[in-house]
Amino acid sequence: MTEPGSPAPVPDAQLPCGALMRLVRLDDAPALLAAYRHNAVHLAPTEPRRGERFATFEGQRERIEGQLREWEAGRAVPWVLDGSGLPGAPPALGTLTFTGIVRGPLLSASVGYWVDQGQTGRGLAGQALAHAVAYAREALGLHRLEAGTLLDNTASQRVLLRAGFTWYGTAPDYLHIAGAWRDHHRYQLILGEVEPRP
């Protein structure tokens, strides 16, 4: 288990579908830029509106640099789903990220993910989430994970429920998504009765 405020090692993981789940790197900027451009219409209904810089190489590098700073501080784990070993697949198939890792009496993190439009319905999100849940329990020693979905995002809700998450409420106007404040269903997964370290 990692010490509070320090990054836990993030070993690469080969998922059953053949994708590689690994810590994001600065040299992923071109692949992630291509993935976000390719999936712009697919992701638009479920994501915040991004500034113009987001869809540039420099913007992606800055974003990754920020994610790695958060990881080094022990507050986040940013994974990329690497499809470079799969025939005909794009280099970046999506991402899964822990954010807001909190120690002390909460011992919790938020999880968010997206997958390429050509990979939906193939089990990639569920496999990535299963690996992330095991990592949260075994490497990070967390008590709880939480996630939110738009009310009509039944695909993500199914992924969360299959991973053992339970619905615990609906938050009105929770996030500003696609240009408006949107209600979200809230889900959590209790990982274990972990004793917080002082």
N, C-alpha and C. Protein backbone atom coordinates (compact mmCIF):
# COMPACT_ATOMS: atom_id res chain seq x y z
N MET A 1 0.84 -1.19 0.00
CA MET A 1 0.00 0.00 0.00
C MET A 1 0.88 1.25 0.00
N THR A 2 0.44 2.27 -0.73
CA THR A 2 1.21 3.49 -0.83
C THR A 2 1.07 4.34 0.43
N GLU A 3 2.11 5.14 0.71
CA GLU A 3 2.03 6.10 1.81
C GLU A 3 1.16 7.27 1.37
N PRO A 4 0.42 7.89 2.31
CA PRO A 4 -0.38 9.05 1.96
C PRO A 4 0.48 10.14 1.33
N GLY A 5 -0.05 10.75 0.25
CA GLY A 5 0.64 11.87 -0.39
C GLY A 5 1.77 11.47 -1.30
N SER A 6 1.96 10.18 -1.56
CA SER A 6 3.02 9.74 -2.47
C SER A 6 2.41 8.85 -3.54
N PRO A 7 3.01 8.84 -4.75
CA PRO A 7 2.40 8.03 -5.81
C PRO A 7 2.66 6.54 -5.62
N ALA A 8 1.64 5.75 -5.83
CA ALA A 8 1.82 4.30 -5.83
C ALA A 8 2.35 3.88 -7.20
N PRO A 9 3.22 2.88 -7.26
CA PRO A 9 3.64 2.37 -8.57
C PRO A 9 2.41 1.93 -9.37
N VAL A 10 2.44 2.16 -10.67
CA VAL A 10 1.33 1.81 -11.54
C VAL A 10 1.85 0.84 -12.60
N PRO A 11 1.86 -0.45 -12.32
CA PRO A 11 2.34 -1.41 -13.32
C PRO A 11 1.38 -1.50 -14.50
N ASP A 12 1.94 -1.80 -15.67
CA ASP A 12 1.10 -2.03 -16.85
C ASP A 12 0.24 -3.28 -16.62
N ALA A 13 -0.96 -3.27 -17.20
CA ALA A 13 -1.86 -4.42 -17.09
C ALA A 13 -2.42 -4.76 -18.46
N GLN A 14 -2.24 -6.01 -18.87
CA GLN A 14 -2.84 -6.48 -20.13
C GLN A 14 -4.26 -6.91 -19.83
N LEU A 15 -5.23 -6.24 -20.42
CA LEU A 15 -6.63 -6.57 -20.20
C LEU A 15 -7.02 -7.78 -21.05
N PRO A 16 -8.05 -8.52 -20.66
CA PRO A 16 -8.45 -9.71 -21.43
C PRO A 16 -8.71 -9.43 -22.91
N CYS A 17 -9.17 -8.22 -23.25
CA CYS A 17 -9.46 -7.89 -24.64
C CYS A 17 -8.20 -7.63 -25.45
N GLY A 18 -7.05 -7.55 -24.79
CA GLY A 18 -5.79 -7.31 -25.48
C GLY A 18 -5.26 -5.91 -25.34
N ALA A 19 -6.07 -4.97 -24.88
CA ALA A 19 -5.60 -3.60 -24.67
C ALA A 19 -4.65 -3.57 -23.47
N LEU A 20 -3.74 -2.62 -23.48
CA LEU A 20 -2.81 -2.41 -22.37
C LEU A 20 -3.28 -1.21 -21.57
N MET A 21 -3.45 -1.39 -20.28
CA MET A 21 -3.85 -0.31 -19.38
C MET A 21 -2.62 0.12 -18.61
N ARG A 22 -2.21 1.37 -18.80
CA ARG A 22 -0.96 1.84 -18.20
C ARG A 22 -1.07 3.32 -17.84
N LEU A 23 -0.13 3.77 -17.03
CA LEU A 23 -0.07 5.17 -16.66
C LEU A 23 0.16 6.02 -17.91
N VAL A 24 -0.55 7.11 -18.02
CA VAL A 24 -0.37 8.00 -19.16
C VAL A 24 1.04 8.57 -19.17
N ARG A 25 1.56 8.83 -20.36
CA ARG A 25 2.91 9.41 -20.54
C ARG A 25 2.80 10.65 -21.40
N LEU A 26 3.81 11.50 -21.32
CA LEU A 26 3.82 12.71 -22.13
C LEU A 26 3.78 12.39 -23.62
N ASP A 27 4.41 11.28 -24.02
CA ASP A 27 4.41 10.96 -25.44
C ASP A 27 3.08 10.37 -25.93
N ASP A 28 2.07 10.31 -25.05
CA ASP A 28 0.73 9.93 -25.46
C ASP A 28 -0.05 11.11 -26.05
N ALA A 29 0.50 12.30 -25.98
CA ALA A 29 -0.24 13.49 -26.43
C ALA A 29 -0.75 13.36 -27.87
N PRO A 30 0.07 12.93 -28.85
CA PRO A 30 -0.46 12.82 -30.21
C PRO A 30 -1.60 11.81 -30.33
N ALA A 31 -1.47 10.65 -29.68
CA ALA A 31 -2.50 9.62 -29.77
C ALA A 31 -3.79 10.07 -29.10
N LEU A 32 -3.67 10.74 -27.94
CA LEU A 32 -4.87 11.22 -27.26
C LEU A 32 -5.53 12.35 -28.03
N LEU A 33 -4.72 13.22 -28.63
CA LEU A 33 -5.29 14.27 -29.46
C LEU A 33 -6.09 13.67 -30.61
N ALA A 34 -5.52 12.68 -31.29
CA ALA A 34 -6.23 12.02 -32.38
C ALA A 34 -7.50 11.34 -31.89
N ALA A 35 -7.43 10.71 -30.70
CA ALA A 35 -8.59 10.02 -30.15
C ALA A 35 -9.70 11.00 -29.80
N TYR A 36 -9.35 12.13 -29.17
CA TYR A 36 -10.38 13.11 -28.82
C TYR A 36 -11.00 13.72 -30.07
N ARG A 37 -10.18 13.97 -31.09
CA ARG A 37 -10.74 14.51 -32.33
C ARG A 37 -11.67 13.50 -33.00
N HIS A 38 -11.24 12.25 -33.04
CA HIS A 38 -12.04 11.19 -33.67
C HIS A 38 -13.36 10.97 -32.93
N ASN A 39 -13.34 11.14 -31.61
CA ASN A 39 -14.52 10.86 -30.77
C ASN A 39 -15.26 12.11 -30.33
N ALA A 40 -14.99 13.24 -30.98
CA ALA A 40 -15.58 14.51 -30.53
C ALA A 40 -17.10 14.46 -30.47
N VAL A 41 -17.73 13.96 -31.52
CA VAL A 41 -19.19 13.90 -31.53
C VAL A 41 -19.69 12.87 -30.53
N HIS A 42 -19.00 11.74 -30.44
CA HIS A 42 -19.37 10.66 -29.51
C HIS A 42 -19.32 11.13 -28.06
N LEU A 43 -18.32 11.94 -27.71
CA LEU A 43 -18.13 12.36 -26.32
C LEU A 43 -18.88 13.64 -25.95
N ALA A 44 -19.25 14.45 -26.94
CA ALA A 44 -19.82 15.76 -26.67
C ALA A 44 -21.01 15.75 -25.71
N PRO A 45 -21.94 14.78 -25.80
CA PRO A 45 -23.10 14.84 -24.90
C PRO A 45 -22.77 14.54 -23.44
N THR A 46 -21.60 13.96 -23.16
CA THR A 46 -21.30 13.52 -21.79
C THR A 46 -20.11 14.24 -21.17
N GLU A 47 -19.56 15.24 -21.86
CA GLU A 47 -18.36 15.90 -21.35
C GLU A 47 -18.58 17.41 -21.25
N PRO A 48 -17.77 18.09 -20.42
CA PRO A 48 -17.81 19.56 -20.41
C PRO A 48 -17.35 20.10 -21.76
N ARG A 49 -17.79 21.29 -22.09
CA ARG A 49 -17.27 21.93 -23.28
C ARG A 49 -15.82 22.32 -23.02
N ARG A 50 -14.97 22.04 -23.99
CA ARG A 50 -13.54 22.28 -23.86
C ARG A 50 -13.16 23.55 -24.62
N GLY A 51 -12.12 24.23 -24.13
CA GLY A 51 -11.58 25.36 -24.88
C GLY A 51 -10.86 24.89 -26.13
N GLU A 52 -10.57 25.83 -27.02
CA GLU A 52 -9.92 25.48 -28.28
C GLU A 52 -8.57 24.82 -28.06
N ARG A 53 -7.86 25.21 -27.00
CA ARG A 53 -6.52 24.66 -26.77
C ARG A 53 -6.56 23.17 -26.47
N PHE A 54 -7.67 22.67 -25.95
CA PHE A 54 -7.78 21.25 -25.64
C PHE A 54 -7.51 20.40 -26.89
N ALA A 55 -7.97 20.86 -28.03
CA ALA A 55 -7.83 20.09 -29.27
C ALA A 55 -6.55 20.45 -30.01
N THR A 56 -5.47 20.68 -29.24
CA THR A 56 -4.15 20.93 -29.83
C THR A 56 -3.13 20.02 -29.15
N PHE A 57 -2.01 19.80 -29.82
CA PHE A 57 -0.94 19.01 -29.24
C PHE A 57 -0.47 19.62 -27.91
N GLU A 58 -0.28 20.95 -27.92
CA GLU A 58 0.19 21.63 -26.70
C GLU A 58 -0.81 21.47 -25.56
N GLY A 59 -2.10 21.58 -25.90
CA GLY A 59 -3.13 21.44 -24.88
C GLY A 59 -3.14 20.05 -24.26
N GLN A 60 -2.94 19.04 -25.09
CA GLN A 60 -2.90 17.68 -24.56
C GLN A 60 -1.66 17.45 -23.70
N ARG A 61 -0.52 17.97 -24.12
CA ARG A 61 0.69 17.84 -23.28
C ARG A 61 0.50 18.51 -21.94
N GLU A 62 -0.07 19.71 -21.94
CA GLU A 62 -0.32 20.43 -20.68
C GLU A 62 -1.27 19.64 -19.78
N ARG A 63 -2.29 19.06 -20.39
CA ARG A 63 -3.25 18.26 -19.62
C ARG A 63 -2.57 17.05 -18.98
N ILE A 64 -1.75 16.35 -19.76
CA ILE A 64 -1.04 15.18 -19.24
C ILE A 64 -0.06 15.61 -18.14
N GLU A 65 0.65 16.71 -18.35
CA GLU A 65 1.58 17.21 -17.32
C GLU A 65 0.84 17.46 -16.01
N GLY A 66 -0.35 18.07 -16.10
CA GLY A 66 -1.15 18.31 -14.90
C GLY A 66 -1.60 17.02 -14.24
N GLN A 67 -2.00 16.03 -15.04
CA GLN A 67 -2.41 14.75 -14.49
C GLN A 67 -1.24 14.06 -13.78
N LEU A 68 -0.06 14.12 -14.37
CA LEU A 68 1.10 13.47 -13.75
C LEU A 68 1.54 14.19 -12.48
N ARG A 69 1.37 15.51 -12.43
CA ARG A 69 1.65 16.22 -11.18
C ARG A 69 0.69 15.76 -10.08
N GLU A 70 -0.58 15.59 -10.43
CA GLU A 70 -1.55 15.10 -9.45
C GLU A 70 -1.21 13.68 -9.01
N TRP A 71 -0.76 12.84 -9.95
CA TRP A 71 -0.35 11.48 -9.59
C TRP A 71 0.86 11.51 -8.65
N GLU A 72 1.85 12.34 -8.96
CA GLU A 72 3.04 12.43 -8.10
C GLU A 72 2.68 12.90 -6.70
N ALA A 73 1.63 13.71 -6.58
CA ALA A 73 1.18 14.19 -5.27
C ALA A 73 0.27 13.18 -4.57
N GLY A 74 -0.03 12.05 -5.22
CA GLY A 74 -0.88 11.04 -4.61
C GLY A 74 -2.36 11.36 -4.67
N ARG A 75 -2.76 12.29 -5.57
CA ARG A 75 -4.16 12.70 -5.63
C ARG A 75 -4.92 12.16 -6.83
N ALA A 76 -4.22 11.48 -7.74
CA ALA A 76 -4.87 10.99 -8.96
C ALA A 76 -4.10 9.80 -9.51
N VAL A 77 -4.78 9.01 -10.35
CA VAL A 77 -4.12 7.97 -11.13
C VAL A 77 -4.70 8.06 -12.54
N PRO A 78 -3.93 8.57 -13.51
CA PRO A 78 -4.43 8.68 -14.88
C PRO A 78 -3.93 7.54 -15.77
N TRP A 79 -4.84 6.64 -16.14
CA TRP A 79 -4.50 5.54 -17.03
C TRP A 79 -4.89 5.88 -18.47
N VAL A 80 -4.17 5.34 -19.43
CA VAL A 80 -4.58 5.34 -20.82
C VAL A 80 -4.82 3.89 -21.23
N LEU A 81 -5.80 3.67 -22.08
CA LEU A 81 -6.09 2.34 -22.62
C LEU A 81 -5.42 2.26 -23.98
N ASP A 82 -4.30 1.56 -24.03
CA ASP A 82 -3.40 1.54 -25.18
C ASP A 82 -3.80 0.40 -26.12
N GLY A 83 -4.17 0.78 -27.34
CA GLY A 83 -4.59 -0.22 -28.31
C GLY A 83 -3.55 -0.52 -29.37
N SER A 84 -2.30 -0.06 -29.15
CA SER A 84 -1.28 -0.19 -30.20
C SER A 84 -0.95 -1.64 -30.53
N GLY A 85 -1.24 -2.57 -29.63
CA GLY A 85 -0.96 -3.98 -29.90
C GLY A 85 -2.12 -4.72 -30.54
N LEU A 86 -3.24 -4.04 -30.80
CA LEU A 86 -4.42 -4.67 -31.38
C LEU A 86 -4.52 -4.35 -32.86
N PRO A 87 -4.64 -5.34 -33.72
CA PRO A 87 -4.73 -5.08 -35.16
C PRO A 87 -5.90 -4.16 -35.51
N GLY A 88 -5.60 -3.09 -36.23
CA GLY A 88 -6.64 -2.18 -36.70
C GLY A 88 -7.18 -1.22 -35.66
N ALA A 89 -6.68 -1.29 -34.43
CA ALA A 89 -7.19 -0.41 -33.37
C ALA A 89 -6.38 0.87 -33.31
N PRO A 90 -6.99 1.98 -32.90
CA PRO A 90 -6.22 3.22 -32.71
C PRO A 90 -5.29 3.08 -31.51
N PRO A 91 -4.21 3.87 -31.46
CA PRO A 91 -3.27 3.77 -30.34
C PRO A 91 -3.89 4.07 -28.98
N ALA A 92 -4.84 5.00 -28.93
CA ALA A 92 -5.51 5.32 -27.67
C ALA A 92 -6.98 4.93 -27.79
N LEU A 93 -7.40 3.96 -26.97
CA LEU A 93 -8.77 3.46 -26.99
C LEU A 93 -9.64 4.15 -25.96
N GLY A 94 -9.06 5.00 -25.12
CA GLY A 94 -9.80 5.67 -24.08
C GLY A 94 -8.92 5.91 -22.87
N THR A 95 -9.54 6.37 -21.80
CA THR A 95 -8.82 6.63 -20.55
C THR A 95 -9.69 6.21 -19.38
N LEU A 96 -9.05 5.96 -18.26
CA LEU A 96 -9.74 5.79 -16.97
C LEU A 96 -8.90 6.51 -15.93
N THR A 97 -9.55 7.32 -15.12
CA THR A 97 -8.81 8.18 -14.20
C THR A 97 -9.44 8.17 -12.82
N PHE A 98 -8.60 8.01 -11.80
CA PHE A 98 -9.00 8.31 -10.42
C PHE A 98 -8.63 9.77 -10.17
N THR A 99 -9.56 10.54 -9.65
CA THR A 99 -9.27 11.91 -9.24
C THR A 99 -9.75 12.11 -7.81
N GLY A 100 -9.29 13.19 -7.20
CA GLY A 100 -9.75 13.53 -5.86
C GLY A 100 -9.49 12.46 -4.83
N ILE A 101 -8.34 11.80 -4.93
CA ILE A 101 -8.00 10.79 -3.92
C ILE A 101 -7.83 11.48 -2.57
N VAL A 102 -8.61 11.05 -1.61
CA VAL A 102 -8.61 11.67 -0.28
C VAL A 102 -8.26 10.60 0.75
N ARG A 103 -7.34 10.93 1.63
CA ARG A 103 -6.96 10.03 2.72
C ARG A 103 -7.75 10.39 3.98
N GLY A 104 -7.25 10.00 5.13
CA GLY A 104 -7.94 10.29 6.37
C GLY A 104 -9.21 9.48 6.51
N PRO A 105 -10.24 10.03 7.15
CA PRO A 105 -11.43 9.24 7.44
C PRO A 105 -12.30 8.95 6.22
N LEU A 106 -12.04 9.60 5.07
CA LEU A 106 -12.85 9.34 3.88
C LEU A 106 -12.28 8.20 3.03
N LEU A 107 -10.99 8.20 2.79
CA LEU A 107 -10.30 7.15 2.01
C LEU A 107 -11.06 6.81 0.73
N SER A 108 -11.21 7.81 -0.13
CA SER A 108 -12.08 7.67 -1.29
C SER A 108 -11.44 8.29 -2.52
N ALA A 109 -11.96 7.94 -3.69
CA ALA A 109 -11.57 8.56 -4.95
C ALA A 109 -12.75 8.53 -5.89
N SER A 110 -12.74 9.46 -6.85
CA SER A 110 -13.73 9.47 -7.92
C SER A 110 -13.14 8.81 -9.15
N VAL A 111 -13.97 8.09 -9.90
CA VAL A 111 -13.51 7.42 -11.11
C VAL A 111 -14.30 7.92 -12.30
N GLY A 112 -13.58 8.17 -13.38
CA GLY A 112 -14.21 8.56 -14.64
C GLY A 112 -13.52 7.86 -15.79
N TYR A 113 -14.25 7.59 -16.85
CA TYR A 113 -13.65 6.86 -17.97
C TYR A 113 -14.42 7.17 -19.25
N TRP A 114 -13.79 6.92 -20.37
CA TRP A 114 -14.45 6.93 -21.67
C TRP A 114 -13.72 5.94 -22.57
N VAL A 115 -14.42 5.41 -23.55
CA VAL A 115 -13.80 4.51 -24.52
C VAL A 115 -14.17 4.95 -25.93
N ASP A 116 -13.31 4.63 -26.86
CA ASP A 116 -13.49 4.95 -28.27
C ASP A 116 -14.84 4.42 -28.76
N GLN A 117 -15.47 5.21 -29.65
CA GLN A 117 -16.80 4.84 -30.14
C GLN A 117 -16.81 3.48 -30.84
N GLY A 118 -15.68 3.08 -31.40
CA GLY A 118 -15.61 1.78 -32.05
C GLY A 118 -15.41 0.63 -31.09
N GLN A 119 -15.18 0.92 -29.81
CA GLN A 119 -14.93 -0.12 -28.81
C GLN A 119 -16.09 -0.30 -27.85
N THR A 120 -17.14 0.51 -27.98
CA THR A 120 -18.26 0.39 -27.05
C THR A 120 -18.96 -0.95 -27.24
N GLY A 121 -19.44 -1.51 -26.13
CA GLY A 121 -20.15 -2.78 -26.18
C GLY A 121 -19.27 -4.00 -26.29
N ARG A 122 -17.95 -3.83 -26.18
CA ARG A 122 -17.02 -4.96 -26.31
C ARG A 122 -16.38 -5.37 -24.98
N GLY A 123 -16.80 -4.74 -23.91
CA GLY A 123 -16.29 -5.12 -22.59
C GLY A 123 -15.06 -4.36 -22.13
N LEU A 124 -14.55 -3.44 -22.96
CA LEU A 124 -13.32 -2.73 -22.58
C LEU A 124 -13.49 -1.92 -21.32
N ALA A 125 -14.56 -1.13 -21.23
CA ALA A 125 -14.78 -0.30 -20.04
C ALA A 125 -14.88 -1.16 -18.78
N GLY A 126 -15.63 -2.27 -18.86
CA GLY A 126 -15.78 -3.14 -17.70
C GLY A 126 -14.47 -3.77 -17.28
N GLN A 127 -13.65 -4.20 -18.24
CA GLN A 127 -12.35 -4.78 -17.91
C GLN A 127 -11.43 -3.76 -17.28
N ALA A 128 -11.43 -2.55 -17.84
CA ALA A 128 -10.58 -1.49 -17.28
C ALA A 128 -11.03 -1.12 -15.86
N LEU A 129 -12.34 -1.04 -15.66
CA LEU A 129 -12.85 -0.70 -14.33
C LEU A 129 -12.54 -1.80 -13.33
N ALA A 130 -12.64 -3.06 -13.72
CA ALA A 130 -12.31 -4.16 -12.81
C ALA A 130 -10.86 -4.07 -12.37
N HIS A 131 -9.95 -3.77 -13.30
CA HIS A 131 -8.55 -3.62 -12.93
C HIS A 131 -8.36 -2.43 -11.98
N ALA A 132 -9.03 -1.32 -12.28
CA ALA A 132 -8.89 -0.13 -11.45
C ALA A 132 -9.42 -0.38 -10.04
N VAL A 133 -10.52 -1.11 -9.92
CA VAL A 133 -11.08 -1.42 -8.60
C VAL A 133 -10.08 -2.24 -7.79
N ALA A 134 -9.47 -3.25 -8.40
CA ALA A 134 -8.47 -4.06 -7.70
C ALA A 134 -7.28 -3.20 -7.28
N TYR A 135 -6.86 -2.29 -8.13
CA TYR A 135 -5.74 -1.41 -7.81
C TYR A 135 -6.09 -0.49 -6.64
N ALA A 136 -7.31 0.04 -6.64
CA ALA A 136 -7.74 0.92 -5.54
C ALA A 136 -7.72 0.18 -4.21
N ARG A 137 -8.13 -1.07 -4.24
CA ARG A 137 -8.18 -1.87 -3.02
C ARG A 137 -6.79 -2.29 -2.56
N GLU A 138 -6.00 -2.83 -3.49
CA GLU A 138 -4.74 -3.47 -3.11
C GLU A 138 -3.55 -2.52 -3.05
N ALA A 139 -3.45 -1.60 -4.00
CA ALA A 139 -2.29 -0.71 -4.04
C ALA A 139 -2.53 0.59 -3.29
N LEU A 140 -3.75 1.14 -3.40
CA LEU A 140 -4.03 2.42 -2.76
C LEU A 140 -4.63 2.27 -1.37
N GLY A 141 -5.19 1.11 -1.06
CA GLY A 141 -5.79 0.90 0.26
C GLY A 141 -6.98 1.80 0.52
N LEU A 142 -7.80 2.04 -0.52
CA LEU A 142 -8.96 2.90 -0.35
C LEU A 142 -10.14 2.12 0.22
N HIS A 143 -11.04 2.87 0.84
CA HIS A 143 -12.27 2.30 1.39
C HIS A 143 -13.42 2.35 0.38
N ARG A 144 -13.35 3.34 -0.56
CA ARG A 144 -14.53 3.63 -1.36
C ARG A 144 -14.15 4.26 -2.69
N LEU A 145 -14.90 3.93 -3.73
CA LEU A 145 -14.84 4.63 -5.01
C LEU A 145 -16.22 5.19 -5.30
N GLU A 146 -16.25 6.32 -6.00
CA GLU A 146 -17.53 6.90 -6.39
C GLU A 146 -17.48 7.29 -7.85
N ALA A 147 -18.66 7.35 -8.49
CA ALA A 147 -18.76 7.73 -9.89
C ALA A 147 -20.14 8.33 -10.11
N GLY A 148 -20.25 9.13 -11.18
CA GLY A 148 -21.53 9.71 -11.54
C GLY A 148 -21.79 9.55 -13.02
N THR A 149 -23.06 9.47 -13.39
CA THR A 149 -23.43 9.40 -14.80
C THR A 149 -24.62 10.33 -15.04
N LEU A 150 -24.73 10.83 -16.27
CA LEU A 150 -25.96 11.50 -16.66
C LEU A 150 -27.13 10.53 -16.52
N LEU A 151 -28.31 11.07 -16.31
CA LEU A 151 -29.47 10.21 -16.03
C LEU A 151 -29.76 9.22 -17.16
N ASP A 152 -29.47 9.62 -18.40
CA ASP A 152 -29.80 8.75 -19.53
C ASP A 152 -28.61 7.93 -20.02
N ASN A 153 -27.49 7.96 -19.30
CA ASN A 153 -26.30 7.21 -19.73
C ASN A 153 -26.38 5.78 -19.20
N THR A 154 -27.28 5.01 -19.79
CA THR A 154 -27.52 3.66 -19.29
C THR A 154 -26.33 2.73 -19.54
N ALA A 155 -25.54 3.00 -20.58
CA ALA A 155 -24.38 2.14 -20.85
C ALA A 155 -23.38 2.23 -19.71
N SER A 156 -23.06 3.45 -19.26
CA SER A 156 -22.12 3.60 -18.14
C SER A 156 -22.72 3.06 -16.85
N GLN A 157 -24.02 3.24 -16.67
CA GLN A 157 -24.66 2.70 -15.47
C GLN A 157 -24.53 1.18 -15.42
N ARG A 158 -24.69 0.52 -16.56
CA ARG A 158 -24.54 -0.94 -16.59
C ARG A 158 -23.11 -1.35 -16.24
N VAL A 159 -22.11 -0.61 -16.76
CA VAL A 159 -20.70 -0.92 -16.45
C VAL A 159 -20.47 -0.81 -14.95
N LEU A 160 -20.97 0.25 -14.34
CA LEU A 160 -20.77 0.45 -12.90
C LEU A 160 -21.47 -0.64 -12.08
N LEU A 161 -22.69 -0.95 -12.43
CA LEU A 161 -23.43 -1.97 -11.67
C LEU A 161 -22.78 -3.34 -11.79
N ARG A 162 -22.29 -3.69 -12.98
CA ARG A 162 -21.61 -4.98 -13.15
C ARG A 162 -20.32 -5.04 -12.34
N ALA A 163 -19.70 -3.89 -12.09
CA ALA A 163 -18.47 -3.85 -11.31
C ALA A 163 -18.74 -3.84 -9.81
N GLY A 164 -20.01 -3.86 -9.41
CA GLY A 164 -20.35 -3.91 -7.99
C GLY A 164 -20.74 -2.59 -7.37
N PHE A 165 -20.76 -1.51 -8.16
CA PHE A 165 -21.20 -0.21 -7.64
C PHE A 165 -22.70 -0.25 -7.37
N THR A 166 -23.14 0.56 -6.42
CA THR A 166 -24.56 0.69 -6.13
C THR A 166 -24.97 2.15 -6.25
N TRP A 167 -26.19 2.36 -6.71
CA TRP A 167 -26.75 3.71 -6.80
C TRP A 167 -27.09 4.19 -5.40
N TYR A 168 -26.74 5.45 -5.10
CA TYR A 168 -27.10 5.96 -3.78
C TYR A 168 -27.79 7.31 -3.82
N GLY A 169 -28.10 7.82 -5.00
CA GLY A 169 -28.85 9.07 -5.05
C GLY A 169 -28.67 9.79 -6.38
N THR A 170 -29.44 10.85 -6.52
CA THR A 170 -29.36 11.70 -7.71
C THR A 170 -29.03 13.11 -7.26
N ALA A 171 -28.00 13.69 -7.88
CA ALA A 171 -27.54 15.03 -7.53
C ALA A 171 -28.04 16.01 -8.58
N PRO A 172 -28.92 16.94 -8.19
CA PRO A 172 -29.40 17.93 -9.16
C PRO A 172 -28.28 18.91 -9.57
N ASP A 173 -28.28 19.27 -10.85
CA ASP A 173 -27.32 20.27 -11.36
C ASP A 173 -25.90 19.98 -10.91
N TYR A 174 -25.48 18.73 -11.05
CA TYR A 174 -24.22 18.29 -10.45
C TYR A 174 -23.00 18.76 -11.23
N LEU A 175 -23.03 18.63 -12.57
CA LEU A 175 -21.89 19.03 -13.39
C LEU A 175 -22.37 19.80 -14.61
N HIS A 176 -21.52 20.72 -15.08
CA HIS A 176 -21.82 21.49 -16.29
C HIS A 176 -21.34 20.67 -17.49
N ILE A 177 -22.27 20.05 -18.16
CA ILE A 177 -21.98 19.11 -19.25
C ILE A 177 -22.69 19.58 -20.52
N ALA A 178 -21.95 19.58 -21.62
CA ALA A 178 -22.53 19.94 -22.93
C ALA A 178 -23.29 21.26 -22.87
N GLY A 179 -22.74 22.20 -22.09
CA GLY A 179 -23.28 23.55 -22.08
C GLY A 179 -24.38 23.83 -21.08
N ALA A 180 -24.70 22.89 -20.18
CA ALA A 180 -25.76 23.12 -19.20
C ALA A 180 -25.47 22.33 -17.93
N TRP A 181 -26.03 22.79 -16.82
CA TRP A 181 -25.93 22.05 -15.56
C TRP A 181 -26.84 20.83 -15.64
N ARG A 182 -26.27 19.65 -15.36
CA ARG A 182 -27.00 18.41 -15.56
C ARG A 182 -27.11 17.61 -14.26
N ASP A 183 -28.28 17.01 -14.06
CA ASP A 183 -28.46 16.07 -12.95
C ASP A 183 -27.63 14.82 -13.23
N HIS A 184 -27.14 14.20 -12.15
CA HIS A 184 -26.35 12.98 -12.28
C HIS A 184 -26.81 11.95 -11.25
N HIS A 185 -26.87 10.69 -11.68
CA HIS A 185 -27.00 9.58 -10.74
C HIS A 185 -25.63 9.35 -10.12
N ARG A 186 -25.63 9.06 -8.81
CA ARG A 186 -24.39 8.85 -8.08
C ARG A 186 -24.30 7.38 -7.65
N TYR A 187 -23.10 6.81 -7.83
CA TYR A 187 -22.83 5.41 -7.51
C TYR A 187 -21.60 5.33 -6.62
N GLN A 188 -21.56 4.28 -5.80
CA GLN A 188 -20.37 4.05 -4.98
C GLN A 188 -20.10 2.56 -4.86
N LEU A 189 -18.85 2.27 -4.57
CA LEU A 189 -18.42 0.89 -4.31
C LEU A 189 -17.59 0.90 -3.03
N ILE A 190 -18.04 0.18 -2.02
CA ILE A 190 -17.28 0.05 -0.79
C ILE A 190 -16.27 -1.08 -1.00
N LEU A 191 -15.00 -0.77 -0.86
CA LEU A 191 -13.93 -1.71 -1.17
C LEU A 191 -13.56 -2.60 0.01
N GLY A 192 -13.80 -2.12 1.21
CA GLY A 192 -13.45 -2.90 2.40
C GLY A 192 -13.41 -2.02 3.63
N GLU A 193 -13.43 -2.66 4.77
CA GLU A 193 -13.39 -1.94 6.04
C GLU A 193 -11.94 -1.63 6.39
N VAL A 194 -11.43 -0.58 5.76
CA VAL A 194 -10.01 -0.21 5.90
C VAL A 194 -9.87 0.76 7.07
N GLU A 195 -8.87 0.54 7.90
CA GLU A 195 -8.60 1.44 9.03
C GLU A 195 -7.76 2.60 8.54
N PRO A 196 -8.27 3.85 8.57
CA PRO A 196 -7.47 4.98 8.12
C PRO A 196 -6.22 5.15 8.97
N ARG A 197 -5.13 5.48 8.29
CA ARG A 197 -3.89 5.75 9.01
C ARG A 197 -3.89 7.20 9.50
N PRO A 198 -3.36 7.43 10.70
CA PRO A 198 -3.35 8.81 11.22
C PRO A 198 -2.44 9.71 10.39
